[in-house]
Amino acid sequence: MPEASLTKGILYLIPTTLGNDDVKVFLPEHVINIIDTLDEFIAENAKTARQFLKQCNISKPQSQITVNELDKHAPKFNQPELFDSLLNGKNVGLMSEAGCPGIADPGAEVVAIAHQKDIKVVPLTGPSSILLALMASGLNGQQFYFHGYLPKEKGECIAAIKKWRCTHKNNCSQIFIETPYRNQQLLQLLIETCQPQTKLCLAKEINMSTEQIQTKTIAHWKKKSRS
């Protein structure tokens, strides 16, 4: 007789806070309750993942928690051990370093493989800096394009910015992210490349006490940069 098929576990997509803020302020109670039922997680960095779990005040001691780190150098995250527990009926949490898993986040590859293996994927509610910035920008939320990180090389970055003009004519919002140490350099490129009437929203440190979100024209940002 064939062996009975084992019910597969659920892969929960767990958002984390965008900074070292109070978890209970930014995550719904039911999300924290689900986290508390789990004892195995997938994350980029085990140390920061455990710090987040400590903030959630989970009932299990850290010694009983397993955190499997993603190997970003493995092709397509070819780490079958990440799915062993899921395939054997155990629920596992996929955690982002900040914000939502799979959104500008390498966890998307894990989710893709989970679908290939017919593992149920359940996204949980939490903050996404990308969507929060768009919400607060006053720009078009009906049509938008997320570019991720722009090219580091100046010429390639300028070329990428210029390509936006065709979609900008349709009032399509262009969204991108950048590392803090390159923010000023990128702002200067935008000032030099975009039309004066183009609106630019600068959003940083979202959900933190130092949060700044402001939408002004390129002409405004150019004048401010000179002051």
N, C-alpha and C. Protein backbone atom coordinates (compact mmCIF):
# COMPACT_ATOMS: atom_id res chain seq x y z
N MET A 1 0.84 -1.19 0.00
CA MET A 1 0.00 0.00 0.00
C MET A 1 0.88 1.25 0.00
N PRO A 2 0.46 2.31 -0.75
CA PRO A 2 1.26 3.54 -0.76
C PRO A 2 1.20 4.21 0.60
N GLU A 3 2.31 4.90 0.94
CA GLU A 3 2.36 5.63 2.21
C GLU A 3 1.43 6.83 2.16
N ALA A 4 0.80 7.13 3.29
CA ALA A 4 -0.07 8.30 3.35
C ALA A 4 0.76 9.57 3.22
N SER A 5 0.28 10.51 2.41
CA SER A 5 1.01 11.76 2.22
C SER A 5 0.94 12.60 3.48
N LEU A 6 2.06 13.22 3.82
CA LEU A 6 2.14 14.04 5.01
C LEU A 6 1.69 15.46 4.70
N THR A 7 0.87 16.03 5.55
CA THR A 7 0.43 17.39 5.35
C THR A 7 1.61 18.34 5.50
N LYS A 8 1.75 19.24 4.55
CA LYS A 8 2.88 20.18 4.59
C LYS A 8 2.57 21.33 5.54
N GLY A 9 3.63 21.93 6.04
CA GLY A 9 3.49 23.08 6.93
C GLY A 9 3.18 24.35 6.16
N ILE A 10 3.02 25.43 6.89
CA ILE A 10 2.73 26.75 6.32
C ILE A 10 3.96 27.63 6.44
N LEU A 11 4.27 28.34 5.37
CA LEU A 11 5.34 29.33 5.41
C LEU A 11 4.72 30.69 5.69
N TYR A 12 4.93 31.20 6.90
CA TYR A 12 4.40 32.52 7.28
C TYR A 12 5.43 33.59 6.92
N LEU A 13 4.97 34.62 6.24
CA LEU A 13 5.83 35.75 5.87
C LEU A 13 5.70 36.82 6.96
N ILE A 14 6.77 37.00 7.73
CA ILE A 14 6.72 37.83 8.93
C ILE A 14 7.39 39.18 8.69
N PRO A 15 6.62 40.27 8.70
CA PRO A 15 7.23 41.60 8.60
C PRO A 15 7.91 41.96 9.92
N THR A 16 8.96 42.74 9.83
CA THR A 16 9.62 43.25 11.02
C THR A 16 9.51 44.77 11.03
N THR A 17 9.87 45.37 12.14
CA THR A 17 9.81 46.84 12.22
C THR A 17 10.88 47.44 11.32
N LEU A 18 10.73 48.72 11.01
CA LEU A 18 11.67 49.42 10.13
C LEU A 18 12.83 50.03 10.91
N GLY A 19 12.76 49.91 12.23
CA GLY A 19 13.83 50.41 13.10
C GLY A 19 13.69 49.74 14.45
N ASN A 20 14.45 50.19 15.41
CA ASN A 20 14.39 49.59 16.75
C ASN A 20 13.25 50.21 17.56
N ASP A 21 12.05 50.10 17.02
CA ASP A 21 10.88 50.67 17.67
C ASP A 21 10.05 49.58 18.33
N ASP A 22 9.04 49.98 19.08
CA ASP A 22 8.19 49.06 19.81
C ASP A 22 7.42 48.18 18.83
N VAL A 23 7.68 46.88 18.89
CA VAL A 23 7.03 45.93 17.98
C VAL A 23 5.51 46.03 18.09
N LYS A 24 5.00 46.16 19.30
CA LYS A 24 3.56 46.14 19.52
C LYS A 24 2.85 47.36 18.92
N VAL A 25 3.62 48.40 18.63
CA VAL A 25 3.03 49.60 18.00
C VAL A 25 2.83 49.37 16.50
N PHE A 26 3.74 48.62 15.89
CA PHE A 26 3.74 48.51 14.44
C PHE A 26 3.28 47.16 13.90
N LEU A 27 3.12 46.15 14.77
CA LEU A 27 2.62 44.86 14.33
C LEU A 27 1.33 44.52 15.07
N PRO A 28 0.30 44.05 14.36
CA PRO A 28 -0.95 43.65 15.01
C PRO A 28 -0.70 42.51 16.01
N GLU A 29 -1.56 42.44 16.99
CA GLU A 29 -1.42 41.43 18.03
C GLU A 29 -1.48 40.02 17.46
N HIS A 30 -2.36 39.79 16.45
CA HIS A 30 -2.48 38.44 15.92
C HIS A 30 -1.20 38.00 15.21
N VAL A 31 -0.42 38.94 14.66
CA VAL A 31 0.85 38.60 14.04
C VAL A 31 1.85 38.13 15.10
N ILE A 32 1.92 38.86 16.20
CA ILE A 32 2.81 38.47 17.29
C ILE A 32 2.39 37.12 17.87
N ASN A 33 1.09 36.88 17.93
CA ASN A 33 0.60 35.59 18.43
C ASN A 33 1.03 34.43 17.53
N ILE A 34 0.99 34.66 16.20
CA ILE A 34 1.43 33.62 15.26
C ILE A 34 2.93 33.38 15.43
N ILE A 35 3.69 34.45 15.55
CA ILE A 35 5.14 34.32 15.75
C ILE A 35 5.43 33.46 16.98
N ASP A 36 4.62 33.64 18.01
CA ASP A 36 4.84 32.92 19.27
C ASP A 36 4.57 31.42 19.13
N THR A 37 3.83 31.01 18.10
CA THR A 37 3.56 29.58 17.90
C THR A 37 4.70 28.88 17.18
N LEU A 38 5.64 29.64 16.61
CA LEU A 38 6.69 29.07 15.78
C LEU A 38 7.98 28.89 16.57
N ASP A 39 8.76 27.90 16.17
CA ASP A 39 10.08 27.74 16.77
C ASP A 39 11.17 27.54 15.70
N GLU A 40 10.78 27.80 14.44
CA GLU A 40 11.77 27.73 13.35
C GLU A 40 11.53 28.87 12.38
N PHE A 41 12.63 29.52 11.98
CA PHE A 41 12.53 30.70 11.12
C PHE A 41 13.62 30.66 10.06
N ILE A 42 13.36 31.39 8.97
CA ILE A 42 14.34 31.61 7.91
C ILE A 42 14.62 33.10 7.88
N ALA A 43 15.90 33.49 7.88
CA ALA A 43 16.24 34.91 7.91
C ALA A 43 17.59 35.13 7.25
N GLU A 44 17.87 36.38 6.89
CA GLU A 44 19.18 36.72 6.33
C GLU A 44 20.27 36.66 7.39
N ASN A 45 19.92 37.12 8.59
CA ASN A 45 20.90 37.22 9.66
C ASN A 45 20.29 36.69 10.95
N ALA A 46 20.87 35.65 11.49
CA ALA A 46 20.30 35.01 12.69
C ALA A 46 20.32 35.95 13.89
N LYS A 47 21.36 36.74 14.02
CA LYS A 47 21.50 37.62 15.18
C LYS A 47 20.38 38.65 15.24
N THR A 48 20.15 39.36 14.11
CA THR A 48 19.10 40.37 14.10
C THR A 48 17.71 39.73 14.18
N ALA A 49 17.58 38.53 13.64
CA ALA A 49 16.30 37.82 13.73
C ALA A 49 15.98 37.50 15.18
N ARG A 50 16.97 37.04 15.91
CA ARG A 50 16.75 36.72 17.32
C ARG A 50 16.47 37.98 18.16
N GLN A 51 17.09 39.08 17.78
CA GLN A 51 16.82 40.35 18.47
C GLN A 51 15.36 40.75 18.28
N PHE A 52 14.86 40.56 17.06
CA PHE A 52 13.46 40.87 16.78
C PHE A 52 12.54 39.96 17.58
N LEU A 53 12.84 38.67 17.63
CA LEU A 53 12.02 37.73 18.38
C LEU A 53 12.01 38.09 19.87
N LYS A 54 13.13 38.56 20.37
CA LYS A 54 13.20 38.99 21.76
C LYS A 54 12.28 40.18 22.00
N GLN A 55 12.24 41.10 21.03
CA GLN A 55 11.34 42.26 21.13
C GLN A 55 9.88 41.82 21.14
N CYS A 56 9.58 40.72 20.44
CA CYS A 56 8.21 40.21 20.39
C CYS A 56 7.80 39.53 21.70
N ASN A 57 8.78 39.35 22.59
CA ASN A 57 8.52 38.75 23.90
C ASN A 57 7.90 37.36 23.76
N ILE A 58 8.49 36.56 22.89
CA ILE A 58 7.96 35.21 22.67
C ILE A 58 8.16 34.36 23.93
N SER A 59 7.29 33.37 24.06
CA SER A 59 7.30 32.56 25.28
C SER A 59 8.40 31.51 25.31
N LYS A 60 8.89 31.10 24.14
CA LYS A 60 9.92 30.06 24.09
C LYS A 60 11.30 30.66 24.35
N PRO A 61 12.16 29.95 25.06
CA PRO A 61 13.54 30.42 25.23
C PRO A 61 14.29 30.35 23.91
N GLN A 62 15.28 31.22 23.74
CA GLN A 62 16.04 31.28 22.49
C GLN A 62 16.70 29.94 22.17
N SER A 63 17.02 29.17 23.19
CA SER A 63 17.68 27.88 22.96
C SER A 63 16.78 26.89 22.22
N GLN A 64 15.47 27.14 22.25
CA GLN A 64 14.52 26.26 21.57
C GLN A 64 14.11 26.80 20.20
N ILE A 65 14.73 27.91 19.79
CA ILE A 65 14.40 28.54 18.51
C ILE A 65 15.50 28.22 17.50
N THR A 66 15.08 27.81 16.30
CA THR A 66 16.01 27.56 15.19
C THR A 66 15.87 28.68 14.16
N VAL A 67 16.99 29.29 13.81
CA VAL A 67 17.00 30.30 12.75
C VAL A 67 17.94 29.84 11.65
N ASN A 68 17.39 29.50 10.50
CA ASN A 68 18.18 29.08 9.34
C ASN A 68 18.51 30.29 8.48
N GLU A 69 19.79 30.54 8.27
CA GLU A 69 20.20 31.71 7.49
C GLU A 69 20.18 31.42 5.99
N LEU A 70 19.75 32.42 5.23
CA LEU A 70 19.80 32.32 3.78
C LEU A 70 21.23 32.45 3.31
N ASP A 71 21.61 31.63 2.38
CA ASP A 71 22.91 31.76 1.73
C ASP A 71 22.68 32.47 0.40
N LYS A 72 22.93 33.79 0.41
CA LYS A 72 22.64 34.57 -0.80
C LYS A 72 23.58 34.25 -1.95
N HIS A 73 24.62 33.48 -1.66
CA HIS A 73 25.56 33.10 -2.72
C HIS A 73 25.14 31.80 -3.41
N ALA A 74 24.20 31.09 -2.79
CA ALA A 74 23.71 29.86 -3.41
C ALA A 74 22.79 30.21 -4.57
N PRO A 75 22.97 29.56 -5.74
CA PRO A 75 22.11 29.88 -6.89
C PRO A 75 20.65 29.60 -6.60
N LYS A 76 19.84 30.66 -6.74
CA LYS A 76 18.39 30.54 -6.49
C LYS A 76 18.10 29.97 -5.10
N PHE A 77 18.99 30.31 -4.16
CA PHE A 77 18.84 29.81 -2.79
C PHE A 77 18.60 28.30 -2.79
N ASN A 78 19.49 27.60 -3.48
CA ASN A 78 19.37 26.14 -3.55
C ASN A 78 19.80 25.52 -2.22
N GLN A 79 18.95 25.73 -1.21
CA GLN A 79 19.21 25.22 0.12
C GLN A 79 18.02 24.34 0.53
N PRO A 80 18.02 23.10 0.09
CA PRO A 80 16.87 22.23 0.36
C PRO A 80 16.57 22.07 1.84
N GLU A 81 17.59 22.25 2.69
CA GLU A 81 17.37 22.08 4.12
C GLU A 81 16.40 23.14 4.69
N LEU A 82 16.26 24.26 3.98
CA LEU A 82 15.33 25.30 4.43
C LEU A 82 13.89 24.81 4.41
N PHE A 83 13.61 23.81 3.58
CA PHE A 83 12.24 23.36 3.38
C PHE A 83 11.94 22.01 4.02
N ASP A 84 12.95 21.42 4.67
CA ASP A 84 12.75 20.10 5.28
C ASP A 84 11.59 20.09 6.26
N SER A 85 11.59 21.05 7.18
CA SER A 85 10.54 21.08 8.20
C SER A 85 9.17 21.34 7.57
N LEU A 86 9.13 22.26 6.62
CA LEU A 86 7.86 22.58 5.95
C LEU A 86 7.30 21.35 5.24
N LEU A 87 8.16 20.60 4.57
CA LEU A 87 7.71 19.41 3.84
C LEU A 87 7.30 18.29 4.79
N ASN A 88 7.73 18.40 6.04
CA ASN A 88 7.37 17.39 7.04
C ASN A 88 6.27 17.86 7.98
N GLY A 89 5.53 18.90 7.55
CA GLY A 89 4.34 19.31 8.29
C GLY A 89 4.52 20.39 9.33
N LYS A 90 5.70 20.99 9.41
CA LYS A 90 5.95 21.99 10.44
C LYS A 90 5.83 23.40 9.86
N ASN A 91 5.20 24.31 10.61
CA ASN A 91 5.08 25.71 10.19
C ASN A 91 6.40 26.44 10.45
N VAL A 92 6.77 27.30 9.50
CA VAL A 92 8.04 28.04 9.58
C VAL A 92 7.77 29.50 9.23
N GLY A 93 8.52 30.41 9.86
CA GLY A 93 8.39 31.83 9.56
C GLY A 93 9.54 32.33 8.73
N LEU A 94 9.24 33.09 7.68
CA LEU A 94 10.26 33.75 6.86
C LEU A 94 10.29 35.21 7.28
N MET A 95 11.45 35.68 7.70
CA MET A 95 11.58 37.01 8.30
C MET A 95 12.44 37.93 7.43
N SER A 96 12.02 39.17 7.28
CA SER A 96 12.82 40.16 6.57
C SER A 96 13.75 40.86 7.55
N GLU A 97 14.80 41.47 7.04
CA GLU A 97 15.68 42.27 7.90
C GLU A 97 14.95 43.54 8.36
N ALA A 98 14.12 44.09 7.49
CA ALA A 98 13.32 45.27 7.83
C ALA A 98 12.14 45.33 6.88
N GLY A 99 10.94 45.45 7.43
CA GLY A 99 9.76 45.54 6.59
C GLY A 99 9.23 44.17 6.18
N CYS A 100 8.69 44.10 4.97
CA CYS A 100 7.98 42.91 4.53
C CYS A 100 8.86 41.95 3.72
N PRO A 101 8.81 40.66 4.03
CA PRO A 101 9.57 39.68 3.24
C PRO A 101 9.13 39.68 1.78
N GLY A 102 10.10 39.55 0.89
CA GLY A 102 9.76 39.45 -0.53
C GLY A 102 9.64 40.77 -1.25
N ILE A 103 9.58 41.88 -0.52
CA ILE A 103 9.48 43.21 -1.14
C ILE A 103 10.85 43.86 -1.03
N ALA A 104 11.56 43.95 -2.17
CA ALA A 104 12.95 44.41 -2.18
C ALA A 104 13.74 43.60 -1.16
N ASP A 105 13.54 42.31 -1.19
CA ASP A 105 14.05 41.42 -0.15
C ASP A 105 14.35 40.05 -0.76
N PRO A 106 15.49 39.45 -0.43
CA PRO A 106 15.85 38.16 -1.04
C PRO A 106 14.92 37.01 -0.67
N GLY A 107 14.07 37.22 0.33
CA GLY A 107 13.12 36.18 0.70
C GLY A 107 12.16 35.81 -0.41
N ALA A 108 12.06 36.64 -1.44
CA ALA A 108 11.18 36.34 -2.57
C ALA A 108 11.54 35.02 -3.22
N GLU A 109 12.83 34.69 -3.24
CA GLU A 109 13.27 33.43 -3.84
C GLU A 109 12.76 32.24 -3.02
N VAL A 110 12.77 32.40 -1.70
CA VAL A 110 12.27 31.34 -0.83
C VAL A 110 10.79 31.11 -1.09
N VAL A 111 10.05 32.19 -1.21
CA VAL A 111 8.61 32.10 -1.47
C VAL A 111 8.35 31.43 -2.81
N ALA A 112 9.14 31.77 -3.82
CA ALA A 112 8.96 31.18 -5.15
C ALA A 112 9.16 29.66 -5.10
N ILE A 113 10.20 29.23 -4.36
CA ILE A 113 10.46 27.79 -4.25
C ILE A 113 9.35 27.11 -3.45
N ALA A 114 8.85 27.79 -2.43
CA ALA A 114 7.75 27.24 -1.64
C ALA A 114 6.54 26.95 -2.53
N HIS A 115 6.24 27.86 -3.44
CA HIS A 115 5.12 27.64 -4.36
C HIS A 115 5.39 26.43 -5.26
N GLN A 116 6.64 26.31 -5.70
CA GLN A 116 7.00 25.16 -6.55
C GLN A 116 6.78 23.84 -5.81
N LYS A 117 6.97 23.87 -4.50
CA LYS A 117 6.83 22.67 -3.69
C LYS A 117 5.41 22.52 -3.11
N ASP A 118 4.50 23.38 -3.57
CA ASP A 118 3.11 23.34 -3.12
C ASP A 118 2.97 23.53 -1.61
N ILE A 119 3.82 24.40 -1.08
CA ILE A 119 3.75 24.77 0.34
C ILE A 119 2.87 26.02 0.45
N LYS A 120 1.95 26.00 1.38
CA LYS A 120 1.06 27.14 1.57
C LYS A 120 1.84 28.34 2.10
N VAL A 121 1.64 29.50 1.49
CA VAL A 121 2.31 30.74 1.88
C VAL A 121 1.28 31.71 2.44
N VAL A 122 1.53 32.22 3.65
CA VAL A 122 0.59 33.14 4.30
C VAL A 122 1.30 34.44 4.64
N PRO A 123 0.96 35.55 3.95
CA PRO A 123 1.57 36.84 4.29
C PRO A 123 0.89 37.46 5.51
N LEU A 124 1.69 38.01 6.40
CA LEU A 124 1.16 38.66 7.59
C LEU A 124 1.30 40.18 7.48
N THR A 125 0.42 40.87 8.18
CA THR A 125 0.35 42.33 8.08
C THR A 125 1.51 42.99 8.82
N GLY A 126 2.12 43.97 8.16
CA GLY A 126 3.20 44.72 8.80
C GLY A 126 3.66 45.86 7.90
N PRO A 127 4.63 46.65 8.36
CA PRO A 127 5.04 47.86 7.62
C PRO A 127 5.91 47.55 6.41
N SER A 128 5.68 48.29 5.34
CA SER A 128 6.54 48.29 4.16
C SER A 128 6.94 49.73 3.89
N SER A 129 8.21 50.04 3.97
CA SER A 129 8.65 51.42 3.77
C SER A 129 8.28 51.93 2.38
N ILE A 130 8.26 51.03 1.40
CA ILE A 130 7.96 51.43 0.02
C ILE A 130 6.52 51.90 -0.09
N LEU A 131 5.58 51.12 0.43
CA LEU A 131 4.17 51.50 0.34
C LEU A 131 3.84 52.66 1.27
N LEU A 132 4.45 52.69 2.45
CA LEU A 132 4.19 53.80 3.37
C LEU A 132 4.66 55.12 2.76
N ALA A 133 5.80 55.09 2.09
CA ALA A 133 6.30 56.30 1.43
C ALA A 133 5.35 56.76 0.33
N LEU A 134 4.86 55.80 -0.47
CA LEU A 134 3.91 56.15 -1.53
C LEU A 134 2.62 56.71 -0.95
N MET A 135 2.12 56.08 0.10
CA MET A 135 0.90 56.56 0.75
C MET A 135 1.03 58.02 1.19
N ALA A 136 2.19 58.35 1.74
CA ALA A 136 2.39 59.68 2.32
C ALA A 136 2.87 60.72 1.32
N SER A 137 3.17 60.29 0.09
CA SER A 137 3.78 61.19 -0.88
C SER A 137 2.78 62.13 -1.55
N GLY A 138 1.53 61.70 -1.67
CA GLY A 138 0.57 62.48 -2.45
C GLY A 138 0.71 62.27 -3.93
N LEU A 139 1.60 61.37 -4.34
CA LEU A 139 1.80 61.05 -5.76
C LEU A 139 0.84 59.95 -6.18
N ASN A 140 0.84 59.62 -7.46
CA ASN A 140 -0.13 58.68 -8.03
C ASN A 140 0.02 57.29 -7.42
N GLY A 141 -0.99 56.85 -6.72
CA GLY A 141 -0.99 55.51 -6.15
C GLY A 141 -1.73 54.50 -7.00
N GLN A 142 -2.28 54.95 -8.13
CA GLN A 142 -2.96 54.05 -9.07
C GLN A 142 -1.99 53.41 -10.04
N GLN A 143 -0.97 54.18 -10.43
CA GLN A 143 0.06 53.67 -11.34
C GLN A 143 1.42 54.00 -10.76
N PHE A 144 2.21 52.98 -10.47
CA PHE A 144 3.55 53.23 -9.96
C PHE A 144 4.47 52.10 -10.36
N TYR A 145 5.76 52.42 -10.40
CA TYR A 145 6.78 51.46 -10.81
C TYR A 145 7.89 51.48 -9.77
N PHE A 146 8.23 50.29 -9.26
CA PHE A 146 9.29 50.21 -8.27
C PHE A 146 10.58 49.75 -8.94
N HIS A 147 11.63 50.58 -8.83
CA HIS A 147 12.89 50.30 -9.51
C HIS A 147 13.91 49.60 -8.61
N GLY A 148 13.64 49.49 -7.33
CA GLY A 148 14.65 48.96 -6.42
C GLY A 148 15.79 49.95 -6.27
N TYR A 149 17.01 49.45 -6.27
CA TYR A 149 18.18 50.33 -6.21
C TYR A 149 18.56 50.78 -7.62
N LEU A 150 18.93 52.04 -7.75
CA LEU A 150 19.39 52.54 -9.04
C LEU A 150 20.86 52.18 -9.25
N PRO A 151 21.35 52.19 -10.50
CA PRO A 151 22.75 51.85 -10.76
C PRO A 151 23.70 52.77 -9.99
N LYS A 152 24.80 52.22 -9.52
CA LYS A 152 25.77 53.01 -8.75
C LYS A 152 26.61 53.93 -9.64
N GLU A 153 26.90 53.44 -10.86
CA GLU A 153 27.72 54.23 -11.78
C GLU A 153 26.92 55.45 -12.26
N LYS A 154 27.54 56.62 -12.21
CA LYS A 154 26.83 57.88 -12.47
C LYS A 154 26.14 57.90 -13.83
N GLY A 155 26.86 57.53 -14.88
CA GLY A 155 26.28 57.58 -16.22
C GLY A 155 25.09 56.65 -16.36
N GLU A 156 25.19 55.44 -15.80
CA GLU A 156 24.09 54.48 -15.87
C GLU A 156 22.90 54.96 -15.06
N CYS A 157 23.18 55.61 -13.93
CA CYS A 157 22.10 56.12 -13.09
C CYS A 157 21.34 57.23 -13.80
N ILE A 158 22.06 58.13 -14.44
CA ILE A 158 21.41 59.22 -15.18
C ILE A 158 20.58 58.66 -16.33
N ALA A 159 21.10 57.66 -17.02
CA ALA A 159 20.36 57.03 -18.12
C ALA A 159 19.07 56.40 -17.60
N ALA A 160 19.13 55.78 -16.44
CA ALA A 160 17.94 55.15 -15.86
C ALA A 160 16.90 56.20 -15.50
N ILE A 161 17.34 57.30 -14.93
CA ILE A 161 16.41 58.38 -14.55
C ILE A 161 15.73 58.95 -15.79
N LYS A 162 16.48 59.12 -16.87
CA LYS A 162 15.92 59.69 -18.09
C LYS A 162 14.87 58.77 -18.71
N LYS A 163 15.01 57.47 -18.51
CA LYS A 163 14.03 56.52 -19.05
C LYS A 163 12.66 56.69 -18.41
N TRP A 164 12.62 57.28 -17.23
CA TRP A 164 11.34 57.45 -16.54
C TRP A 164 10.41 58.40 -17.27
N ARG A 165 10.96 59.25 -18.11
CA ARG A 165 10.15 60.32 -18.69
C ARG A 165 8.95 59.81 -19.46
N CYS A 166 9.10 58.65 -20.12
CA CYS A 166 7.98 58.11 -20.90
C CYS A 166 6.83 57.72 -19.99
N THR A 167 7.14 57.15 -18.83
CA THR A 167 6.07 56.78 -17.90
C THR A 167 5.60 57.97 -17.09
N HIS A 168 6.52 58.93 -16.88
CA HIS A 168 6.14 60.12 -16.12
C HIS A 168 5.05 60.90 -16.85
N LYS A 169 5.07 60.85 -18.19
CA LYS A 169 4.05 61.54 -18.98
C LYS A 169 2.67 60.98 -18.70
N ASN A 170 2.61 59.72 -18.28
CA ASN A 170 1.33 59.10 -17.93
C ASN A 170 1.02 59.23 -16.45
N ASN A 171 1.78 60.11 -15.78
CA ASN A 171 1.58 60.36 -14.35
C ASN A 171 1.83 59.12 -13.50
N CYS A 172 2.75 58.29 -13.97
CA CYS A 172 3.12 57.08 -13.23
C CYS A 172 4.20 57.42 -12.21
N SER A 173 3.96 57.09 -10.95
CA SER A 173 4.94 57.35 -9.90
C SER A 173 6.12 56.41 -10.03
N GLN A 174 7.32 56.92 -9.84
CA GLN A 174 8.55 56.14 -9.90
C GLN A 174 9.10 56.00 -8.47
N ILE A 175 9.29 54.78 -8.02
CA ILE A 175 9.74 54.53 -6.65
C ILE A 175 11.09 53.83 -6.68
N PHE A 176 12.00 54.28 -5.84
CA PHE A 176 13.30 53.64 -5.73
C PHE A 176 13.81 53.81 -4.30
N ILE A 177 14.80 52.98 -3.96
CA ILE A 177 15.39 53.06 -2.63
C ILE A 177 16.89 53.27 -2.77
N GLU A 178 17.49 53.77 -1.70
CA GLU A 178 18.92 54.02 -1.72
C GLU A 178 19.49 53.89 -0.32
N THR A 179 20.76 53.56 -0.25
CA THR A 179 21.43 53.48 1.04
C THR A 179 21.71 54.89 1.56
N PRO A 180 21.69 55.06 2.88
CA PRO A 180 21.84 56.42 3.46
C PRO A 180 23.08 57.17 2.98
N TYR A 181 24.20 56.47 2.83
CA TYR A 181 25.44 57.19 2.50
C TYR A 181 25.47 57.70 1.05
N ARG A 182 24.50 57.25 0.22
CA ARG A 182 24.45 57.72 -1.16
C ARG A 182 23.26 58.65 -1.43
N ASN A 183 22.51 58.95 -0.38
CA ASN A 183 21.30 59.76 -0.56
C ASN A 183 21.59 61.12 -1.18
N GLN A 184 22.57 61.81 -0.64
CA GLN A 184 22.87 63.17 -1.12
C GLN A 184 23.36 63.16 -2.56
N GLN A 185 24.18 62.18 -2.88
CA GLN A 185 24.69 62.05 -4.25
C GLN A 185 23.55 61.80 -5.24
N LEU A 186 22.60 60.94 -4.86
CA LEU A 186 21.48 60.64 -5.74
C LEU A 186 20.56 61.84 -5.87
N LEU A 187 20.34 62.56 -4.79
CA LEU A 187 19.50 63.75 -4.85
C LEU A 187 20.08 64.76 -5.84
N GLN A 188 21.39 64.92 -5.82
CA GLN A 188 22.03 65.86 -6.74
C GLN A 188 21.84 65.42 -8.19
N LEU A 189 21.93 64.12 -8.45
CA LEU A 189 21.71 63.62 -9.81
C LEU A 189 20.27 63.87 -10.26
N LEU A 190 19.31 63.69 -9.36
CA LEU A 190 17.91 63.94 -9.69
C LEU A 190 17.68 65.41 -9.99
N ILE A 191 18.30 66.28 -9.22
CA ILE A 191 18.17 67.73 -9.44
C ILE A 191 18.74 68.11 -10.80
N GLU A 192 19.86 67.49 -11.17
CA GLU A 192 20.51 67.82 -12.44
C GLU A 192 19.78 67.23 -13.64
N THR A 193 19.05 66.13 -13.44
CA THR A 193 18.49 65.37 -14.56
C THR A 193 17.00 65.64 -14.79
N CYS A 194 16.23 65.83 -13.74
CA CYS A 194 14.78 65.96 -13.87
C CYS A 194 14.35 67.39 -14.18
N GLN A 195 13.14 67.51 -14.73
CA GLN A 195 12.59 68.82 -15.04
C GLN A 195 12.24 69.57 -13.75
N PRO A 196 12.34 70.91 -13.74
CA PRO A 196 12.09 71.68 -12.52
C PRO A 196 10.72 71.45 -11.91
N GLN A 197 9.70 71.19 -12.76
CA GLN A 197 8.34 71.01 -12.25
C GLN A 197 8.06 69.60 -11.75
N THR A 198 8.99 68.67 -11.96
CA THR A 198 8.81 67.29 -11.51
C THR A 198 8.74 67.24 -9.98
N LYS A 199 7.78 66.49 -9.46
CA LYS A 199 7.64 66.36 -8.01
C LYS A 199 8.50 65.20 -7.50
N LEU A 200 9.18 65.46 -6.41
CA LEU A 200 10.04 64.45 -5.80
C LEU A 200 9.72 64.34 -4.32
N CYS A 201 9.41 63.13 -3.88
CA CYS A 201 9.16 62.88 -2.46
C CYS A 201 10.40 62.22 -1.86
N LEU A 202 10.91 62.83 -0.80
CA LEU A 202 12.01 62.24 -0.03
C LEU A 202 11.43 61.67 1.25
N ALA A 203 11.61 60.39 1.45
CA ALA A 203 11.07 59.71 2.64
C ALA A 203 12.19 58.91 3.29
N LYS A 204 12.44 59.17 4.55
CA LYS A 204 13.49 58.43 5.25
C LYS A 204 13.11 58.19 6.71
N GLU A 205 13.69 57.13 7.26
CA GLU A 205 13.49 56.75 8.66
C GLU A 205 12.00 56.64 9.00
N ILE A 206 11.26 55.99 8.08
CA ILE A 206 9.81 55.84 8.23
C ILE A 206 9.49 54.98 9.45
N ASN A 207 8.47 55.39 10.16
CA ASN A 207 7.99 54.73 11.38
C ASN A 207 8.89 54.97 12.59
N MET A 208 9.89 55.82 12.43
CA MET A 208 10.78 56.13 13.55
C MET A 208 10.48 57.54 14.06
N SER A 209 11.01 57.85 15.21
CA SER A 209 10.78 59.18 15.78
C SER A 209 11.43 60.27 14.94
N THR A 210 12.42 59.89 14.11
CA THR A 210 13.13 60.85 13.25
C THR A 210 12.59 60.84 11.81
N GLU A 211 11.41 60.28 11.62
CA GLU A 211 10.81 60.16 10.28
C GLU A 211 10.71 61.51 9.58
N GLN A 212 11.04 61.50 8.28
CA GLN A 212 10.91 62.70 7.44
C GLN A 212 10.33 62.29 6.09
N ILE A 213 9.20 62.88 5.72
CA ILE A 213 8.57 62.63 4.43
C ILE A 213 8.09 63.98 3.88
N GLN A 214 8.60 64.35 2.71
CA GLN A 214 8.22 65.65 2.14
C GLN A 214 8.23 65.58 0.63
N THR A 215 7.17 66.08 0.00
CA THR A 215 7.06 66.11 -1.45
C THR A 215 7.10 67.55 -1.95
N LYS A 216 8.08 67.85 -2.79
CA LYS A 216 8.25 69.18 -3.36
C LYS A 216 8.72 69.03 -4.81
N THR A 217 8.74 70.13 -5.54
CA THR A 217 9.24 70.09 -6.91
C THR A 217 10.77 70.03 -6.91
N ILE A 218 11.31 69.60 -8.05
CA ILE A 218 12.77 69.58 -8.22
C ILE A 218 13.32 71.00 -8.05
N ALA A 219 12.58 71.99 -8.54
CA ALA A 219 13.03 73.38 -8.38
C ALA A 219 13.18 73.73 -6.90
N HIS A 220 12.27 73.26 -6.07
CA HIS A 220 12.34 73.52 -4.64
C HIS A 220 13.58 72.85 -4.04
N TRP A 221 13.78 71.55 -4.38
CA TRP A 221 14.92 70.83 -3.82
C TRP A 221 16.23 71.44 -4.28
N LYS A 222 16.26 71.95 -5.53
CA LYS A 222 17.47 72.58 -6.04
C LYS A 222 17.79 73.86 -5.25
N LYS A 223 16.76 74.65 -5.00
CA LYS A 223 16.94 75.89 -4.23
C LYS A 223 17.38 75.57 -2.80
N LYS A 224 16.79 74.53 -2.23
CA LYS A 224 17.12 74.16 -0.85
C LYS A 224 18.55 73.65 -0.74
N SER A 225 19.00 72.93 -1.77
CA SER A 225 20.37 72.38 -1.74
C SER A 225 21.42 73.47 -1.79
N ARG A 226 21.04 74.64 -2.31
CA ARG A 226 21.98 75.76 -2.40
C ARG A 226 22.02 76.61 -1.15
N SER A 227 20.96 76.46 -0.32
CA SER A 227 20.87 77.30 0.88
C SER A 227 21.73 76.76 2.03
